[in-house]
Protein backbone atom coordinates (compact mmCIF):
# COMPACT_ATOMS: atom_id res chain seq x y z
CA UNK A 1 -1.44 33.29 -2.71
CA UNK A 2 -1.29 30.39 -0.89
CA UNK A 3 -3.65 27.16 -1.29
CA UNK A 4 -6.82 27.93 1.10
CA UNK A 5 -7.38 25.28 4.09
CA UNK A 6 -10.60 23.76 4.45
CA UNK A 7 -12.07 22.42 7.76
CA UNK A 8 -12.84 18.56 8.35
CA UNK A 9 -16.47 19.69 7.87
CA UNK A 10 -15.58 21.60 4.48
CA UNK A 11 -13.88 18.53 2.95
CA UNK A 12 -16.77 16.05 4.32
CA UNK A 13 -18.98 18.27 2.66
CA UNK A 14 -17.28 18.19 -0.54
CA UNK A 15 -17.10 14.40 -0.42
CA UNK A 16 -20.66 14.32 0.27
CA UNK A 17 -21.92 16.64 -2.46
CA UNK A 18 -19.82 14.50 -4.87
CA UNK A 19 -21.00 11.18 -3.61
CA UNK A 20 -24.72 12.54 -3.90
CA UNK A 21 -24.32 13.84 -7.32
CA UNK A 22 -22.09 11.15 -8.73
CA UNK A 23 -23.35 8.47 -6.66
CA UNK A 24 -27.11 8.82 -7.62
CA UNK A 25 -26.04 8.78 -11.58
CA UNK A 26 -23.79 5.60 -11.11
CA UNK A 27 -26.61 3.88 -8.95
CA UNK A 28 -29.30 4.70 -11.32
CA UNK A 29 -27.12 3.20 -14.42
CA UNK A 30 -26.24 -0.04 -12.49
CA UNK A 31 -29.36 -0.59 -9.97
CA UNK A 32 -31.96 1.90 -11.40
CA UNK A 33 -33.41 4.37 -9.14
CA UNK A 34 -35.59 3.77 -5.85
CA UNK A 35 -33.34 0.68 -5.19
CA UNK A 36 -31.41 0.21 -1.62
CA UNK A 37 -28.19 1.04 -3.58
CA UNK A 38 -29.46 4.69 -4.80
CA UNK A 39 -30.80 5.84 -1.42
CA UNK A 40 -27.73 4.39 0.37
CA UNK A 41 -25.55 6.66 -2.00
CA UNK A 42 -27.65 9.65 -1.79
CA UNK A 43 -28.14 9.29 1.91
CA UNK A 44 -24.07 8.85 2.74
CA UNK A 45 -23.90 11.92 0.89
CA UNK A 46 -26.53 14.18 2.52
CA UNK A 47 -25.30 12.79 5.92
CA UNK A 48 -21.54 14.17 4.82
CA UNK A 49 -23.04 17.75 3.99
CA UNK A 50 -25.17 17.99 7.85
CA UNK A 51 -22.25 20.09 8.78
CA UNK A 52 -22.10 22.50 5.78
CA UNK A 53 -26.09 22.69 5.93
CA UNK A 54 -25.94 23.32 9.81
CA UNK A 55 -23.44 26.19 8.91
CA UNK A 56 -26.10 27.61 6.32
CA UNK A 57 -28.54 28.40 9.44
CA UNK A 58 -26.65 31.75 9.95
CA UNK A 59 -27.65 32.81 6.32
CA UNK A 60 -30.90 34.62 6.47
CA UNK A 61 -32.02 34.22 2.89
CA UNK A 62 -31.14 30.62 2.61
CA UNK A 63 -33.06 29.87 5.76
CA UNK A 64 -36.19 31.97 4.60
CA UNK A 65 -36.20 30.56 1.23
CA UNK A 66 -35.67 26.75 2.29
CA UNK A 67 -38.03 26.84 5.36
CA UNK A 68 -40.63 28.49 3.29
CA UNK A 69 -40.13 25.61 0.50
CA UNK A 70 -40.03 22.96 3.07
CA UNK A 71 -43.09 24.49 4.90
CA UNK A 72 -45.19 24.66 1.85
CA UNK A 73 -44.22 21.11 0.58
CA UNK A 74 -45.34 19.85 4.26
CA UNK A 75 -48.53 21.63 4.01
CA UNK A 76 -49.17 20.25 0.46
CA UNK A 77 -48.27 16.52 1.45
CA UNK A 78 -50.80 16.70 4.36
CA UNK A 79 -53.65 18.13 2.05
CA UNK A 80 -52.77 15.44 -0.25
CA UNK A 81 -52.54 12.72 2.35
CA UNK A 82 -55.92 13.73 3.75
CA UNK A 83 -58.00 14.46 0.39
CA UNK A 84 -56.28 12.54 -2.26
CA UNK A 85 -55.35 9.37 -0.75
CA UNK A 86 -55.75 7.10 2.54
CA UNK A 87 -53.55 8.55 5.33
CA UNK A 88 -52.60 4.94 6.34
CA UNK A 89 -51.37 4.36 2.95
CA UNK A 90 -49.78 7.92 1.69
CA UNK A 91 -46.33 8.07 1.38
CA UNK A 92 -44.28 11.22 2.21
CA UNK A 93 -41.10 9.91 0.64
CA UNK A 94 -41.63 11.90 -2.53
CA UNK A 95 -42.11 15.27 -0.58
CA UNK A 96 -39.28 14.45 1.47
CA UNK A 97 -37.07 13.61 -1.61
CA UNK A 98 -37.62 17.12 -2.77
CA UNK A 99 -37.04 18.67 0.18
CA UNK A 100 -33.63 16.64 0.75
CA UNK A 101 -32.65 17.73 -3.07
CA UNK A 102 -33.20 21.21 -2.11
CA UNK A 103 -31.29 21.14 1.18
CA UNK A 104 -28.51 19.90 -0.60
CA UNK A 105 -28.67 22.22 -3.45
CA UNK A 106 -28.19 25.20 -0.73
CA UNK A 107 -25.54 23.25 1.07
CA UNK A 108 -23.37 23.46 -2.15
CA UNK A 109 -24.33 26.67 -2.85
CA UNK A 110 -22.78 28.17 0.19
CA UNK A 111 -19.33 26.32 -0.60
CA UNK A 112 -16.43 28.68 -0.92
CA UNK A 113 -16.13 29.68 -4.72
CA UNK A 114 -13.19 27.85 -5.26
CA UNK A 115 -14.20 24.74 -3.55
CA UNK A 116 -17.40 25.04 -5.63
CA UNK A 117 -15.62 25.27 -8.66
CA UNK A 118 -13.44 22.41 -7.63
CA UNK A 119 -16.51 20.32 -7.03
CA UNK A 120 -17.98 20.95 -10.37
CA UNK A 121 -14.99 20.40 -12.25
CA UNK A 122 -14.97 16.98 -10.75
CA UNK A 123 -18.37 16.47 -11.51
CA UNK A 124 -18.05 17.36 -15.01
CA UNK A 125 -14.98 15.18 -15.48
CA UNK A 126 -16.69 12.18 -13.97
CA UNK A 127 -19.80 12.15 -15.73
CA UNK A 128 -17.69 12.66 -19.10
CA UNK A 129 -15.85 9.39 -18.05
CA UNK A 130 -19.11 7.89 -17.22
CA UNK A 131 -20.44 8.99 -20.82
CA UNK A 132 -17.57 7.40 -22.56
CA UNK A 133 -17.66 4.29 -20.72
CA UNK A 134 -21.25 4.01 -21.88
CA UNK A 135 -20.32 4.90 -25.39
CA UNK A 136 -17.59 1.96 -25.37
CA UNK A 137 -19.70 -0.62 -23.40
CA UNK A 138 -23.53 0.11 -24.13
CA UNK A 139 -23.97 1.13 -27.61
CA UNK A 140 -26.58 3.69 -27.07
CA UNK A 141 -28.88 2.78 -29.98
CA UNK A 142 -30.77 5.47 -32.38
CA UNK A 143 -33.02 2.78 -34.02
CA UNK A 144 -36.56 0.97 -32.83
CA UNK A 145 -34.56 -0.81 -30.10
CA UNK A 146 -34.42 2.51 -28.06
CA UNK A 147 -38.49 1.65 -27.57
CA UNK A 148 -37.91 -1.72 -25.88
CA UNK A 149 -37.53 -2.40 -22.41
CA UNK A 150 -33.76 -1.77 -22.66
CA UNK A 151 -34.03 1.18 -24.70
CA UNK A 152 -35.92 3.10 -22.07
CA UNK A 153 -32.68 4.30 -20.35
CA UNK A 154 -31.50 5.95 -23.39
CA UNK A 155 -32.97 9.21 -22.42
CA UNK A 156 -30.99 9.16 -18.93
CA UNK A 157 -27.78 9.03 -20.66
CA UNK A 158 -29.02 12.27 -22.58
CA UNK A 159 -29.44 13.93 -19.16
CA UNK A 160 -25.76 12.49 -17.59
CA UNK A 161 -24.54 14.24 -20.79
CA UNK A 162 -26.03 17.36 -20.35
CA UNK A 163 -25.24 17.48 -16.70
CA UNK A 164 -21.78 17.31 -17.45
CA UNK A 165 -21.49 20.24 -19.66
CA UNK A 166 -23.79 22.33 -17.12
CA UNK A 167 -21.25 21.04 -14.43
CA UNK A 168 -18.32 22.16 -16.80
CA UNK A 169 -19.90 25.48 -17.18
CA UNK A 170 -20.39 26.19 -13.49
CA UNK A 171 -16.83 25.52 -12.87
CA UNK A 172 -16.07 28.39 -14.76
CA UNK A 173 -12.99 26.51 -16.33
CA UNK A 174 -13.06 26.69 -19.97
CA UNK A 175 -10.75 23.88 -20.51
CA UNK A 176 -12.82 21.71 -18.41
CA UNK A 177 -15.72 22.61 -20.69
CA UNK A 178 -13.49 21.81 -23.82
CA UNK A 179 -12.97 18.40 -22.43
CA UNK A 180 -16.43 17.88 -21.76
CA UNK A 181 -18.26 18.86 -25.10
CA UNK A 182 -17.05 16.26 -27.54
CA UNK A 183 -18.20 13.09 -25.52
CA UNK A 184 -21.36 15.06 -24.25
CA UNK A 185 -22.61 16.17 -27.56
CA UNK A 186 -22.09 12.64 -29.08
CA UNK A 187 -24.16 10.95 -26.51
CA UNK A 188 -26.90 13.39 -26.49
CA UNK A 189 -26.89 13.07 -30.28
CA UNK A 190 -27.23 9.26 -30.31
CA UNK A 191 -29.74 9.23 -27.28
CA UNK A 192 -31.87 11.80 -29.59
CA UNK A 193 -32.88 13.87 -26.46
CA UNK A 194 -33.61 16.98 -28.30
CA UNK A 195 -34.49 19.03 -25.12
CA UNK A 196 -30.92 18.18 -23.65
CA UNK A 197 -29.46 19.01 -26.93
CA UNK A 198 -30.86 22.47 -27.05
CA UNK A 199 -30.13 23.01 -23.32
CA UNK A 200 -26.43 22.16 -23.91
CA UNK A 201 -26.11 24.06 -26.84
CA UNK A 202 -27.07 27.19 -25.02
CA UNK A 203 -24.86 26.50 -21.91
CA UNK A 204 -21.81 25.56 -24.05
CA UNK A 205 -22.30 28.57 -26.76
CA UNK A 206 -22.68 30.99 -24.03
CA UNK A 207 -19.75 29.51 -22.00
CA UNK A 208 -17.64 29.91 -25.23
CA UNK A 209 -18.89 33.52 -25.99
CA UNK A 210 -18.06 34.52 -22.66
CA UNK A 211 -14.46 32.97 -22.81
CA UNK A 212 -13.88 35.59 -25.59
CA UNK A 213 -11.95 38.94 -24.07
CA UNK A 214 -14.78 41.73 -23.56
CA UNK A 215 -13.46 44.22 -25.64
CA UNK A 216 -13.97 41.80 -28.50
CA UNK A 217 -17.14 40.37 -27.62
CA UNK A 218 -19.06 42.86 -29.95
CA UNK A 219 -17.17 42.26 -32.69
CA UNK A 220 -17.29 38.47 -32.16
CA UNK A 221 -21.01 38.56 -32.12
CA UNK A 222 -21.48 40.78 -35.07
CA UNK A 223 -19.18 38.56 -37.42
CA UNK A 224 -20.88 35.12 -35.92
CA UNK A 225 -24.57 36.84 -36.79
CA UNK A 226 -23.33 37.98 -40.37
CA UNK A 227 -21.66 34.71 -41.01
CA UNK A 228 -24.66 32.70 -39.89
CA UNK A 229 -27.11 35.00 -42.23
CA UNK A 230 -24.87 34.24 -45.14
CA UNK A 231 -24.85 30.69 -44.89
CA UNK A 232 -28.23 30.36 -44.18
CA UNK A 233 -29.20 32.59 -47.02
CA UNK A 234 -26.76 30.46 -49.48
CA UNK A 235 -27.76 26.88 -48.07
CA UNK A 236 -31.17 27.46 -46.81
CA UNK A 237 -32.63 24.50 -47.94
CA UNK A 238 -29.86 22.13 -46.87
CA UNK A 239 -29.87 24.02 -43.54
CA UNK A 240 -33.86 23.44 -43.51
CA UNK A 241 -33.21 19.69 -44.22
CA UNK A 242 -30.62 19.34 -41.58
CA UNK A 243 -32.54 21.03 -38.99
CA UNK A 244 -35.53 18.42 -39.97
CA UNK A 245 -33.40 15.61 -39.62
CA UNK A 246 -31.73 16.41 -36.28
CA UNK A 247 -35.16 17.24 -34.41
CA UNK A 248 -36.62 14.40 -36.15
CA UNK A 249 -39.78 16.75 -37.10
CA UNK A 250 -40.97 14.18 -39.76
CA UNK A 251 -40.23 10.79 -37.77
CA UNK A 252 -42.90 8.63 -37.75
CA UNK A 253 -42.77 7.97 -33.86
CA UNK A 254 -41.08 11.35 -32.66
CA UNK A 255 -42.03 14.04 -35.02
CA UNK A 256 -44.76 16.74 -35.18
CA UNK A 257 -47.46 14.35 -36.64
CA UNK A 258 -46.63 12.29 -33.68
CA UNK A 259 -47.09 14.90 -31.25
CA UNK A 260 -43.58 14.74 -30.22
CA UNK A 261 -43.81 11.05 -28.78
CA UNK A 262 -47.06 12.11 -27.41
CA UNK A 263 -45.79 15.04 -25.63
CA UNK A 264 -49.03 16.90 -26.81
CA UNK A 265 -50.89 14.61 -25.20
CA UNK A 266 -49.04 14.73 -21.97
CA UNK A 267 -49.34 18.32 -21.64
CA UNK A 268 -53.11 18.45 -22.27
CA UNK A 269 -53.43 15.81 -19.43
CA UNK A 270 -51.31 17.63 -17.38
CA UNK A 271 -53.43 20.88 -17.78
CA UNK A 272 -56.68 18.71 -17.12
CA UNK A 273 -55.18 17.51 -14.16
CA UNK A 274 -54.53 20.98 -12.85
CA UNK A 275 -57.87 22.18 -13.55
CA UNK A 276 -59.34 19.45 -11.57
CA UNK A 277 -57.36 20.77 -8.57
CA UNK A 278 -55.61 24.15 -9.28
CA UNK A 279 -54.88 25.10 -5.82
CA UNK A 280 -53.27 21.72 -4.26
CA UNK A 281 -52.56 19.74 -7.65
CA UNK A 282 -52.98 15.95 -8.08
CA UNK A 283 -50.11 15.14 -5.90
CA UNK A 284 -46.76 13.49 -6.49
CA UNK A 285 -48.16 9.78 -6.82
CA UNK A 286 -50.41 10.79 -9.64
CA UNK A 287 -49.00 8.91 -12.55
CA UNK A 288 -50.84 11.06 -15.25
CA UNK A 289 -49.38 14.20 -13.49
CA UNK A 290 -45.80 12.46 -13.10
CA UNK A 291 -45.50 12.03 -16.85
CA UNK A 292 -46.65 15.57 -17.85
CA UNK A 293 -43.17 16.07 -20.07
CA UNK A 294 -43.05 19.93 -19.08
CA UNK A 295 -41.47 20.85 -15.86
CA UNK A 296 -43.68 24.17 -15.38
CA UNK A 297 -47.08 21.97 -16.24
CA UNK A 298 -45.97 19.18 -14.17
CA UNK A 299 -45.35 21.62 -10.94
CA UNK A 300 -48.68 23.00 -11.71
CA UNK A 301 -50.44 19.40 -12.37
CA UNK A 302 -48.69 18.04 -9.19
CA UNK A 303 -48.53 20.83 -6.34
CA UNK A 304 -50.89 23.27 -7.65
CA UNK A 305 -51.13 26.93 -8.42
CA UNK A 306 -49.81 28.73 -5.26
CA UNK A 307 -46.50 26.61 -5.07
CA UNK A 308 -45.99 26.79 -8.62
CA UNK A 309 -45.92 30.62 -8.70
CA UNK A 310 -43.74 30.46 -5.58
CA UNK A 311 -41.11 28.41 -7.30
CA UNK A 312 -41.14 30.60 -10.71
CA UNK A 313 -40.91 33.37 -8.45
CA UNK A 314 -37.63 32.30 -6.90
CA UNK A 315 -36.40 31.04 -10.58
CA UNK A 316 -36.98 34.56 -11.82
CA UNK A 317 -35.09 36.09 -8.95
CA UNK A 318 -32.28 33.48 -9.64
CA UNK A 319 -32.28 34.75 -13.49
CA UNK A 320 -32.29 38.26 -12.48
CA UNK A 321 -29.76 38.28 -9.45
CA UNK A 322 -27.22 36.25 -11.67
CA UNK A 323 -27.60 38.83 -14.29
CA UNK A 324 -27.10 41.76 -12.24
CA UNK A 325 -24.20 40.10 -10.71
CA UNK A 326 -22.42 39.37 -14.05
CA UNK A 327 -22.41 35.45 -13.08
CA UNK A 328 -22.02 34.13 -16.70
CA UNK A 329 -22.07 30.60 -15.47
CA UNK A 330 -24.88 30.52 -13.27
CA UNK A 331 -26.96 32.48 -15.49
CA UNK A 332 -26.16 30.23 -18.45
CA UNK A 333 -26.98 27.17 -16.30
CA UNK A 334 -29.98 28.56 -15.39
CA UNK A 335 -31.05 29.17 -18.86
CA UNK A 336 -30.14 25.39 -19.81
CA UNK A 337 -32.11 24.44 -16.49
CA UNK A 338 -35.26 26.10 -17.87
CA UNK A 339 -34.94 25.01 -21.31
CA UNK A 340 -34.25 21.26 -20.26
CA UNK A 341 -37.19 21.62 -17.82
CA UNK A 342 -39.59 22.60 -20.58
CA UNK A 343 -39.31 19.34 -22.11
CA UNK A 344 -38.62 16.96 -19.43
CA UNK A 345 -41.00 15.25 -16.85
CA UNK A 346 -38.83 16.61 -13.65
CA UNK A 347 -37.79 19.86 -12.40
CA UNK A 348 -36.33 18.89 -8.85
CA UNK A 349 -34.89 15.58 -8.07
CA UNK A 350 -31.25 13.87 -7.48
CA UNK A 351 -30.43 13.04 -11.20
CA UNK A 352 -27.42 15.22 -12.23
CA UNK A 353 -29.70 17.30 -14.23
CA UNK A 354 -32.02 18.79 -13.28
CA UNK A 355 -30.20 18.88 -9.73
CA UNK A 356 -27.18 21.03 -11.00
CA UNK A 357 -30.15 23.67 -12.25
CA UNK A 358 -31.49 23.45 -8.69
CA UNK A 359 -27.81 24.16 -7.49
CA UNK A 360 -27.74 27.20 -10.13
CA UNK A 361 -30.98 28.56 -8.48
CA UNK A 362 -29.53 28.37 -4.96
CA UNK A 363 -26.35 29.75 -6.34
CA UNK A 364 -27.79 32.74 -7.61
CA UNK A 365 -30.15 33.27 -4.67
CA UNK A 366 -27.53 32.79 -1.71
CA UNK A 367 -24.31 34.11 -3.04
CA UNK A 368 -25.19 36.70 -6.06
CA UNK A 369 -27.91 38.36 -3.81
CA UNK A 370 -24.99 39.42 -1.72
CA UNK A 371 -22.87 40.69 -4.66
CA UNK A 372 -22.92 44.30 -5.72
CA UNK A 373 -24.91 44.83 -8.61
CA UNK A 374 -22.97 45.43 -12.11
CA UNK A 375 -23.87 45.26 -15.65
CA UNK A 376 -24.95 41.87 -16.96
CA UNK A 377 -22.42 39.31 -18.42
């Protein structure tokens, strides 16, 4: 079977998607986000994908979902402009950015399957290289320096490393996952991003399990459970202490008594903002809603209950359809996305993670909805 030939528009879309994902990562690290360089990289990537987006017009499910999301965003942004801020000073840019991220995710979702796997392979390996460069040159700190002005970016490294692992899982190439895991997990450990670590474990452990031949999975799972139970019984104290140390449960600044770095307070503030405006939210420009370190609460606080329910519905459909289609890589990436979003102050943006989570949702809705149902992965 020969190598498939791709049209110029498909090649342009591949390059555009790569520039969009990796360009946003590099420009954020070098120039920070919300800079001309950042928007130049993402704009070039989006423009190169325009033919691919146009091609997707024939996909009714794609058009139905994307138009309803964009329509909802447009309605909410107009309401926010009229009632929450002065129309003359109101910025539609954050709402447009979400629409662009969703459009790019759907454009990637309708790639040829092989091209999609190739794209995720390149994205994974490039982000692993970025992580390796960061380890070699920036000495990601785990001490009190992480709390000063220079240390704020440490969290970003954890998200980049998680993005590398999720891209490797989506590539559906076990060798790529094996190449991505060591450096990525070191970066996550050094960054002390607990949410990213849990999400990375979900995605990578699940992918390793799926790499086992189907006929041996039952035996492998039974052996793993029995071995884990035995080890826990024999070394319960040591394991508890290790878990406590890894997740910083007694840490002065980031432990349970500190509300996990003030996360409990963030969640309470987000719920308060949601209660003030349950239908339309407080808007994307509201600082309190923006710092709600929980994706589900954040979308409720920013955009209100109706739009949040719509997004939650699409996410649930994506999980169900990827399970029915036996699409293990997509299903695991969705689980990682949900896990990550529950501990992060973001749910849709240009950053590699959560953007790849949005891509996984799009893949499940666009591709797997057309796949005959078979037993789950």
